[in-house]
Amino acid sequence: MNKISITFTLPTSAKPEQIWSYYTKLSLRQLWETDLENFLFFGELKTGVQGIFKLRNVPEMPVTLSKVIINQEFTEEFNMPDIGVLSFSHQIVNLSQNQYALKSEIALRPEQKLDAKSSYAFLKQISDDIIDKAYALNHLVES
């Protein structure tokens, strides 16, 4: 099955430099991703670096930073056994001169053996709060 994804884009008055640390620093990220308990990198913040990601009531998971472009994109990738590859992309997109937006994308490249109904159910379960988290982040960076 091909990749399936959900994307949400929210205009913001904040500049990329104001937003970036809210993606990469645990203490700031926990302000908008309130179920995040730990996020640790094994190396410098760049594409290909691995780490640990821990959400409340969920076992600790290995994570790979699949794309890091400072002040533009921070994408985490999780290899989920028997499900597929799950990615969370946090982006700062340029709408026009000095006009930006927060863009969030959750994507799943499901295992071949995972049927469409199961893929849908899994993606829906983890994506229900994408809008709430984007609005919470926007409130923080515009304050």
N, C-alpha and C. Protein backbone atom coordinates (compact mmCIF):
# COMPACT_ATOMS: atom_id res chain seq x y z
N MET A 1 0.85 -1.18 0.00
CA MET A 1 0.00 0.00 0.00
C MET A 1 0.89 1.25 0.00
N ASN A 2 0.47 2.27 -0.68
CA ASN A 2 1.21 3.53 -0.73
C ASN A 2 1.08 4.28 0.57
N LYS A 3 1.90 5.30 0.72
CA LYS A 3 1.87 6.16 1.90
C LYS A 3 0.51 6.85 2.00
N ILE A 4 -0.01 6.90 3.22
CA ILE A 4 -1.21 7.69 3.50
C ILE A 4 -0.82 8.75 4.52
N SER A 5 -1.46 9.93 4.42
CA SER A 5 -1.04 11.01 5.32
C SER A 5 -2.19 11.96 5.62
N ILE A 6 -1.98 12.70 6.69
CA ILE A 6 -2.90 13.76 7.11
C ILE A 6 -2.04 14.99 7.32
N THR A 7 -2.47 16.13 6.75
CA THR A 7 -1.71 17.37 6.86
C THR A 7 -2.61 18.48 7.38
N PHE A 8 -2.03 19.32 8.23
CA PHE A 8 -2.75 20.48 8.74
C PHE A 8 -1.81 21.68 8.67
N THR A 9 -2.29 22.80 8.13
CA THR A 9 -1.49 24.01 7.99
C THR A 9 -2.21 25.16 8.68
N LEU A 10 -1.46 25.91 9.50
CA LEU A 10 -2.03 27.01 10.27
C LEU A 10 -1.15 28.25 10.10
N PRO A 11 -1.67 29.34 9.51
CA PRO A 11 -0.88 30.56 9.39
C PRO A 11 -0.45 31.07 10.77
N THR A 12 0.72 31.69 10.81
CA THR A 12 1.23 32.23 12.07
C THR A 12 1.92 33.57 11.83
N SER A 13 1.93 34.42 12.83
CA SER A 13 2.66 35.68 12.73
C SER A 13 4.11 35.52 13.21
N ALA A 14 4.44 34.36 13.77
CA ALA A 14 5.79 34.10 14.28
C ALA A 14 6.75 33.84 13.13
N LYS A 15 8.00 34.17 13.37
CA LYS A 15 9.08 33.93 12.40
C LYS A 15 9.68 32.55 12.65
N PRO A 16 10.30 31.96 11.63
CA PRO A 16 10.90 30.63 11.80
C PRO A 16 11.85 30.53 13.00
N GLU A 17 12.65 31.55 13.23
CA GLU A 17 13.60 31.53 14.35
C GLU A 17 12.89 31.47 15.70
N GLN A 18 11.69 32.00 15.79
CA GLN A 18 10.91 31.95 17.04
C GLN A 18 10.31 30.56 17.25
N ILE A 19 10.04 29.87 16.17
CA ILE A 19 9.33 28.59 16.22
C ILE A 19 10.27 27.41 16.43
N TRP A 20 11.43 27.43 15.79
CA TRP A 20 12.31 26.27 15.67
C TRP A 20 12.58 25.56 16.99
N SER A 21 12.94 26.27 18.03
CA SER A 21 13.31 25.63 19.31
C SER A 21 12.12 24.90 19.94
N TYR A 22 10.90 25.25 19.57
CA TYR A 22 9.73 24.55 20.09
C TYR A 22 9.58 23.15 19.48
N TYR A 23 10.28 22.89 18.39
CA TYR A 23 10.33 21.55 17.80
C TYR A 23 11.46 20.72 18.41
N THR A 24 12.56 21.37 18.75
CA THR A 24 13.80 20.64 19.03
C THR A 24 14.20 20.57 20.50
N LYS A 25 13.70 21.44 21.35
CA LYS A 25 14.06 21.44 22.77
C LYS A 25 12.94 20.81 23.59
N LEU A 26 13.28 19.77 24.35
CA LEU A 26 12.29 19.01 25.11
C LEU A 26 11.42 19.91 25.98
N SER A 27 12.02 20.80 26.76
CA SER A 27 11.23 21.62 27.69
C SER A 27 10.22 22.51 26.97
N LEU A 28 10.57 23.02 25.79
CA LEU A 28 9.64 23.85 25.02
C LEU A 28 8.61 22.99 24.29
N ARG A 29 9.05 21.86 23.79
CA ARG A 29 8.13 20.98 23.06
C ARG A 29 7.04 20.43 23.99
N GLN A 30 7.39 20.17 25.23
CA GLN A 30 6.40 19.67 26.18
C GLN A 30 5.30 20.68 26.48
N LEU A 31 5.52 21.94 26.16
CA LEU A 31 4.49 22.96 26.37
C LEU A 31 3.33 22.81 25.40
N TRP A 32 3.57 22.26 24.22
CA TRP A 32 2.49 22.07 23.25
C TRP A 32 2.21 20.60 22.95
N GLU A 33 3.19 19.75 23.17
CA GLU A 33 2.99 18.31 23.02
C GLU A 33 2.99 17.74 24.44
N THR A 34 1.89 17.94 25.13
CA THR A 34 1.83 17.74 26.58
C THR A 34 1.94 16.28 27.03
N ASP A 35 1.79 15.33 26.11
CA ASP A 35 1.94 13.92 26.48
C ASP A 35 3.38 13.41 26.26
N LEU A 36 4.28 14.30 25.84
CA LEU A 36 5.67 13.93 25.60
C LEU A 36 6.44 13.91 26.92
N GLU A 37 7.02 12.75 27.24
CA GLU A 37 7.81 12.61 28.47
C GLU A 37 9.30 12.75 28.22
N ASN A 38 9.79 12.24 27.09
CA ASN A 38 11.21 12.32 26.81
C ASN A 38 11.45 12.31 25.31
N PHE A 39 12.47 13.03 24.89
CA PHE A 39 12.91 13.10 23.50
C PHE A 39 14.40 13.35 23.54
N LEU A 40 15.18 12.34 23.19
CA LEU A 40 16.62 12.37 23.36
C LEU A 40 17.29 11.98 22.05
N PHE A 41 18.31 12.74 21.63
CA PHE A 41 19.07 12.45 20.41
C PHE A 41 20.42 11.86 20.78
N PHE A 42 20.91 10.93 19.95
CA PHE A 42 22.24 10.36 20.13
C PHE A 42 23.19 10.99 19.12
N GLY A 43 23.44 12.26 19.28
CA GLY A 43 24.30 13.01 18.36
C GLY A 43 23.72 14.39 18.14
N GLU A 44 24.34 15.10 17.22
CA GLU A 44 23.85 16.46 16.95
C GLU A 44 22.56 16.42 16.15
N LEU A 45 21.88 17.52 16.17
CA LEU A 45 20.57 17.64 15.54
C LEU A 45 20.72 17.75 14.02
N LYS A 46 20.66 16.59 13.33
CA LYS A 46 20.77 16.59 11.87
C LYS A 46 20.11 15.34 11.31
N THR A 47 19.85 15.37 10.03
CA THR A 47 19.23 14.24 9.34
C THR A 47 20.02 12.96 9.59
N GLY A 48 19.31 11.88 9.91
CA GLY A 48 19.91 10.58 10.12
C GLY A 48 20.23 10.24 11.56
N VAL A 49 20.20 11.21 12.45
CA VAL A 49 20.50 10.96 13.86
C VAL A 49 19.36 10.16 14.48
N GLN A 50 19.74 9.25 15.36
CA GLN A 50 18.74 8.44 16.05
C GLN A 50 18.58 8.91 17.48
N GLY A 51 17.49 8.46 18.10
CA GLY A 51 17.23 8.85 19.47
C GLY A 51 16.12 8.01 20.08
N ILE A 52 15.60 8.53 21.17
CA ILE A 52 14.53 7.89 21.92
C ILE A 52 13.37 8.88 22.06
N PHE A 53 12.17 8.37 21.92
CA PHE A 53 10.95 9.17 22.01
C PHE A 53 10.01 8.46 22.98
N LYS A 54 9.50 9.17 23.98
CA LYS A 54 8.63 8.54 24.99
C LYS A 54 7.42 9.41 25.22
N LEU A 55 6.25 8.83 24.96
CA LEU A 55 4.97 9.47 25.26
C LEU A 55 4.37 8.84 26.52
N ARG A 56 3.56 9.59 27.21
CA ARG A 56 2.87 9.08 28.40
C ARG A 56 2.02 7.86 28.02
N ASN A 57 2.10 6.82 28.82
CA ASN A 57 1.33 5.58 28.66
C ASN A 57 1.68 4.79 27.39
N VAL A 58 2.85 5.08 26.81
CA VAL A 58 3.33 4.37 25.62
C VAL A 58 4.78 3.97 25.88
N PRO A 59 5.17 2.76 25.53
CA PRO A 59 6.58 2.37 25.73
C PRO A 59 7.54 3.29 24.95
N GLU A 60 8.73 3.43 25.48
CA GLU A 60 9.77 4.19 24.81
C GLU A 60 10.01 3.62 23.41
N MET A 61 10.22 4.50 22.42
CA MET A 61 10.39 4.07 21.03
C MET A 61 11.66 4.66 20.44
N PRO A 62 12.38 3.87 19.63
CA PRO A 62 13.49 4.46 18.88
C PRO A 62 12.94 5.37 17.78
N VAL A 63 13.66 6.45 17.52
CA VAL A 63 13.25 7.42 16.50
C VAL A 63 14.46 7.79 15.66
N THR A 64 14.21 8.08 14.40
CA THR A 64 15.25 8.58 13.50
C THR A 64 14.79 9.94 12.97
N LEU A 65 15.69 10.91 12.99
CA LEU A 65 15.39 12.20 12.38
C LEU A 65 15.60 12.03 10.88
N SER A 66 14.52 11.89 10.15
CA SER A 66 14.63 11.59 8.72
C SER A 66 14.85 12.83 7.86
N LYS A 67 14.54 14.00 8.40
CA LYS A 67 14.82 15.24 7.66
C LYS A 67 14.89 16.39 8.66
N VAL A 68 16.03 17.06 8.66
CA VAL A 68 16.22 18.24 9.50
C VAL A 68 16.78 19.36 8.63
N ILE A 69 16.01 20.41 8.49
CA ILE A 69 16.45 21.64 7.82
C ILE A 69 16.15 22.75 8.81
N ILE A 70 17.20 23.31 9.39
CA ILE A 70 17.03 24.30 10.46
C ILE A 70 16.11 25.43 10.03
N ASN A 71 15.18 25.75 10.92
CA ASN A 71 14.16 26.79 10.73
C ASN A 71 13.18 26.49 9.59
N GLN A 72 13.15 25.22 9.12
CA GLN A 72 12.20 24.86 8.06
C GLN A 72 11.46 23.55 8.33
N GLU A 73 12.21 22.48 8.64
CA GLU A 73 11.55 21.18 8.76
C GLU A 73 12.27 20.29 9.77
N PHE A 74 11.44 19.58 10.54
CA PHE A 74 11.93 18.64 11.55
C PHE A 74 11.02 17.42 11.46
N THR A 75 11.54 16.34 10.87
CA THR A 75 10.72 15.15 10.65
C THR A 75 11.29 13.96 11.39
N GLU A 76 10.44 13.30 12.17
CA GLU A 76 10.80 12.12 12.96
C GLU A 76 10.16 10.91 12.31
N GLU A 77 10.89 9.80 12.33
CA GLU A 77 10.41 8.58 11.71
C GLU A 77 10.52 7.42 12.70
N PHE A 78 9.47 6.62 12.74
CA PHE A 78 9.38 5.48 13.65
C PHE A 78 9.10 4.23 12.83
N ASN A 79 9.87 3.18 13.07
CA ASN A 79 9.61 1.89 12.42
C ASN A 79 8.73 1.10 13.38
N MET A 80 7.47 0.95 13.02
CA MET A 80 6.49 0.31 13.88
C MET A 80 6.32 -1.15 13.43
N PRO A 81 6.79 -2.12 14.24
CA PRO A 81 6.68 -3.53 13.84
C PRO A 81 5.24 -3.92 13.50
N ASP A 82 5.08 -4.64 12.41
CA ASP A 82 3.80 -5.15 11.92
C ASP A 82 2.84 -4.05 11.48
N ILE A 83 3.28 -2.79 11.49
CA ILE A 83 2.42 -1.68 11.06
C ILE A 83 3.03 -0.97 9.86
N GLY A 84 4.27 -0.50 10.01
CA GLY A 84 4.94 0.20 8.92
C GLY A 84 5.81 1.32 9.45
N VAL A 85 6.14 2.24 8.58
CA VAL A 85 6.97 3.39 8.94
C VAL A 85 6.07 4.60 9.12
N LEU A 86 6.14 5.16 10.32
CA LEU A 86 5.32 6.30 10.70
C LEU A 86 6.21 7.53 10.78
N SER A 87 5.78 8.63 10.18
CA SER A 87 6.56 9.85 10.29
C SER A 87 5.68 11.01 10.73
N PHE A 88 6.32 11.89 11.49
CA PHE A 88 5.71 13.15 11.94
C PHE A 88 6.59 14.26 11.40
N SER A 89 6.03 15.10 10.56
CA SER A 89 6.79 16.20 9.99
C SER A 89 6.26 17.52 10.53
N HIS A 90 7.17 18.30 11.09
CA HIS A 90 6.84 19.62 11.62
C HIS A 90 7.55 20.61 10.70
N GLN A 91 6.78 21.45 10.03
CA GLN A 91 7.38 22.35 9.05
C GLN A 91 6.97 23.79 9.29
N ILE A 92 7.87 24.68 8.89
CA ILE A 92 7.59 26.11 8.89
C ILE A 92 7.63 26.50 7.41
N VAL A 93 6.47 26.77 6.85
CA VAL A 93 6.40 27.05 5.42
C VAL A 93 6.24 28.55 5.17
N ASN A 94 6.83 28.99 4.08
CA ASN A 94 6.75 30.38 3.69
C ASN A 94 5.54 30.56 2.79
N LEU A 95 4.57 31.35 3.24
CA LEU A 95 3.37 31.61 2.44
C LEU A 95 3.60 32.75 1.45
N SER A 96 4.28 33.79 1.90
CA SER A 96 4.66 34.94 1.08
C SER A 96 5.72 35.68 1.88
N GLN A 97 6.16 36.82 1.39
CA GLN A 97 7.22 37.55 2.09
C GLN A 97 6.81 37.86 3.52
N ASN A 98 7.58 37.33 4.48
CA ASN A 98 7.35 37.53 5.93
C ASN A 98 6.01 36.97 6.41
N GLN A 99 5.44 36.04 5.69
CA GLN A 99 4.21 35.36 6.10
C GLN A 99 4.49 33.87 6.13
N TYR A 100 4.25 33.26 7.30
CA TYR A 100 4.61 31.86 7.49
C TYR A 100 3.40 31.05 7.99
N ALA A 101 3.57 29.73 7.98
CA ALA A 101 2.55 28.84 8.52
C ALA A 101 3.24 27.66 9.18
N LEU A 102 2.57 27.12 10.19
CA LEU A 102 2.97 25.87 10.81
C LEU A 102 2.28 24.76 10.04
N LYS A 103 3.06 23.81 9.58
CA LYS A 103 2.48 22.69 8.84
C LYS A 103 2.87 21.40 9.54
N SER A 104 1.88 20.58 9.82
CA SER A 104 2.10 19.29 10.46
C SER A 104 1.60 18.21 9.53
N GLU A 105 2.41 17.16 9.40
CA GLU A 105 1.99 16.02 8.59
C GLU A 105 2.30 14.73 9.34
N ILE A 106 1.32 13.87 9.39
CA ILE A 106 1.49 12.53 9.92
C ILE A 106 1.31 11.59 8.74
N ALA A 107 2.29 10.73 8.52
CA ALA A 107 2.24 9.83 7.37
C ALA A 107 2.57 8.40 7.78
N LEU A 108 1.96 7.47 7.11
CA LEU A 108 2.19 6.05 7.35
C LEU A 108 2.46 5.36 6.02
N ARG A 109 3.60 4.67 5.96
CA ARG A 109 3.87 3.75 4.85
C ARG A 109 3.63 2.36 5.43
N PRO A 110 2.42 1.84 5.28
CA PRO A 110 2.05 0.59 5.94
C PRO A 110 2.79 -0.62 5.38
N GLU A 111 2.96 -1.61 6.26
CA GLU A 111 3.47 -2.91 5.83
C GLU A 111 2.50 -3.47 4.79
N GLN A 112 3.01 -4.24 3.85
CA GLN A 112 2.16 -4.81 2.79
C GLN A 112 1.03 -5.66 3.36
N LYS A 113 1.31 -6.34 4.46
CA LYS A 113 0.29 -7.23 5.03
C LYS A 113 -0.79 -6.50 5.81
N LEU A 114 -0.61 -5.19 6.06
CA LEU A 114 -1.60 -4.41 6.81
C LEU A 114 -2.70 -3.96 5.86
N ASP A 115 -3.94 -4.32 6.14
CA ASP A 115 -5.04 -3.95 5.25
C ASP A 115 -5.42 -2.48 5.42
N ALA A 116 -6.18 -1.97 4.47
CA ALA A 116 -6.56 -0.56 4.45
C ALA A 116 -7.33 -0.14 5.70
N LYS A 117 -8.23 -0.99 6.17
CA LYS A 117 -9.03 -0.67 7.36
C LYS A 117 -8.13 -0.51 8.59
N SER A 118 -7.17 -1.39 8.76
CA SER A 118 -6.24 -1.31 9.90
C SER A 118 -5.33 -0.09 9.78
N SER A 119 -4.88 0.22 8.56
CA SER A 119 -4.05 1.41 8.35
C SER A 119 -4.82 2.67 8.73
N TYR A 120 -6.06 2.75 8.27
CA TYR A 120 -6.91 3.89 8.59
C TYR A 120 -7.11 4.02 10.10
N ALA A 121 -7.43 2.94 10.76
CA ALA A 121 -7.69 2.97 12.21
C ALA A 121 -6.44 3.42 12.97
N PHE A 122 -5.29 2.91 12.59
CA PHE A 122 -4.05 3.29 13.27
C PHE A 122 -3.75 4.77 13.06
N LEU A 123 -3.82 5.23 11.82
CA LEU A 123 -3.51 6.63 11.53
C LEU A 123 -4.51 7.57 12.20
N LYS A 124 -5.77 7.21 12.20
CA LYS A 124 -6.78 8.05 12.85
C LYS A 124 -6.53 8.16 14.35
N GLN A 125 -6.20 7.05 14.97
CA GLN A 125 -5.96 7.02 16.41
C GLN A 125 -4.83 7.98 16.81
N ILE A 126 -3.76 8.02 16.03
CA ILE A 126 -2.63 8.86 16.43
C ILE A 126 -2.72 10.28 15.91
N SER A 127 -3.67 10.56 15.04
CA SER A 127 -3.75 11.90 14.44
C SER A 127 -4.85 12.77 15.01
N ASP A 128 -5.63 12.27 15.93
CA ASP A 128 -6.78 13.02 16.42
C ASP A 128 -6.43 14.38 17.01
N ASP A 129 -5.21 14.54 17.54
CA ASP A 129 -4.89 15.81 18.19
C ASP A 129 -3.96 16.71 17.38
N ILE A 130 -3.78 16.44 16.09
CA ILE A 130 -2.87 17.24 15.27
C ILE A 130 -3.28 18.72 15.25
N ILE A 131 -4.57 19.00 15.17
CA ILE A 131 -5.05 20.38 15.13
C ILE A 131 -4.86 21.06 16.48
N ASP A 132 -5.21 20.35 17.57
CA ASP A 132 -5.04 20.92 18.91
C ASP A 132 -3.59 21.29 19.18
N LYS A 133 -2.66 20.41 18.80
CA LYS A 133 -1.24 20.66 19.05
C LYS A 133 -0.74 21.83 18.19
N ALA A 134 -1.19 21.94 16.97
CA ALA A 134 -0.78 23.07 16.12
C ALA A 134 -1.26 24.40 16.70
N TYR A 135 -2.49 24.44 17.17
CA TYR A 135 -3.01 25.66 17.77
C TYR A 135 -2.28 25.99 19.08
N ALA A 136 -1.98 24.98 19.88
CA ALA A 136 -1.24 25.22 21.12
C ALA A 136 0.15 25.77 20.81
N LEU A 137 0.83 25.19 19.83
CA LEU A 137 2.15 25.69 19.43
C LEU A 137 2.05 27.12 18.92
N ASN A 138 1.07 27.38 18.08
CA ASN A 138 0.91 28.73 17.54
C ASN A 138 0.68 29.75 18.64
N HIS A 139 -0.13 29.41 19.61
CA HIS A 139 -0.37 30.32 20.75
C HIS A 139 0.94 30.64 21.48
N LEU A 140 1.78 29.64 21.67
CA LEU A 140 3.06 29.84 22.37
C LEU A 140 4.00 30.74 21.57
N VAL A 141 4.13 30.49 20.27
CA VAL A 141 5.11 31.23 19.49
C VAL A 141 4.64 32.65 19.14
N GLU A 142 3.34 32.88 19.19
CA GLU A 142 2.84 34.23 18.92
C GLU A 142 2.74 35.07 20.19
N SER A 143 2.92 34.45 21.35
CA SER A 143 2.82 35.20 22.62
C SER A 143 4.02 36.08 22.87
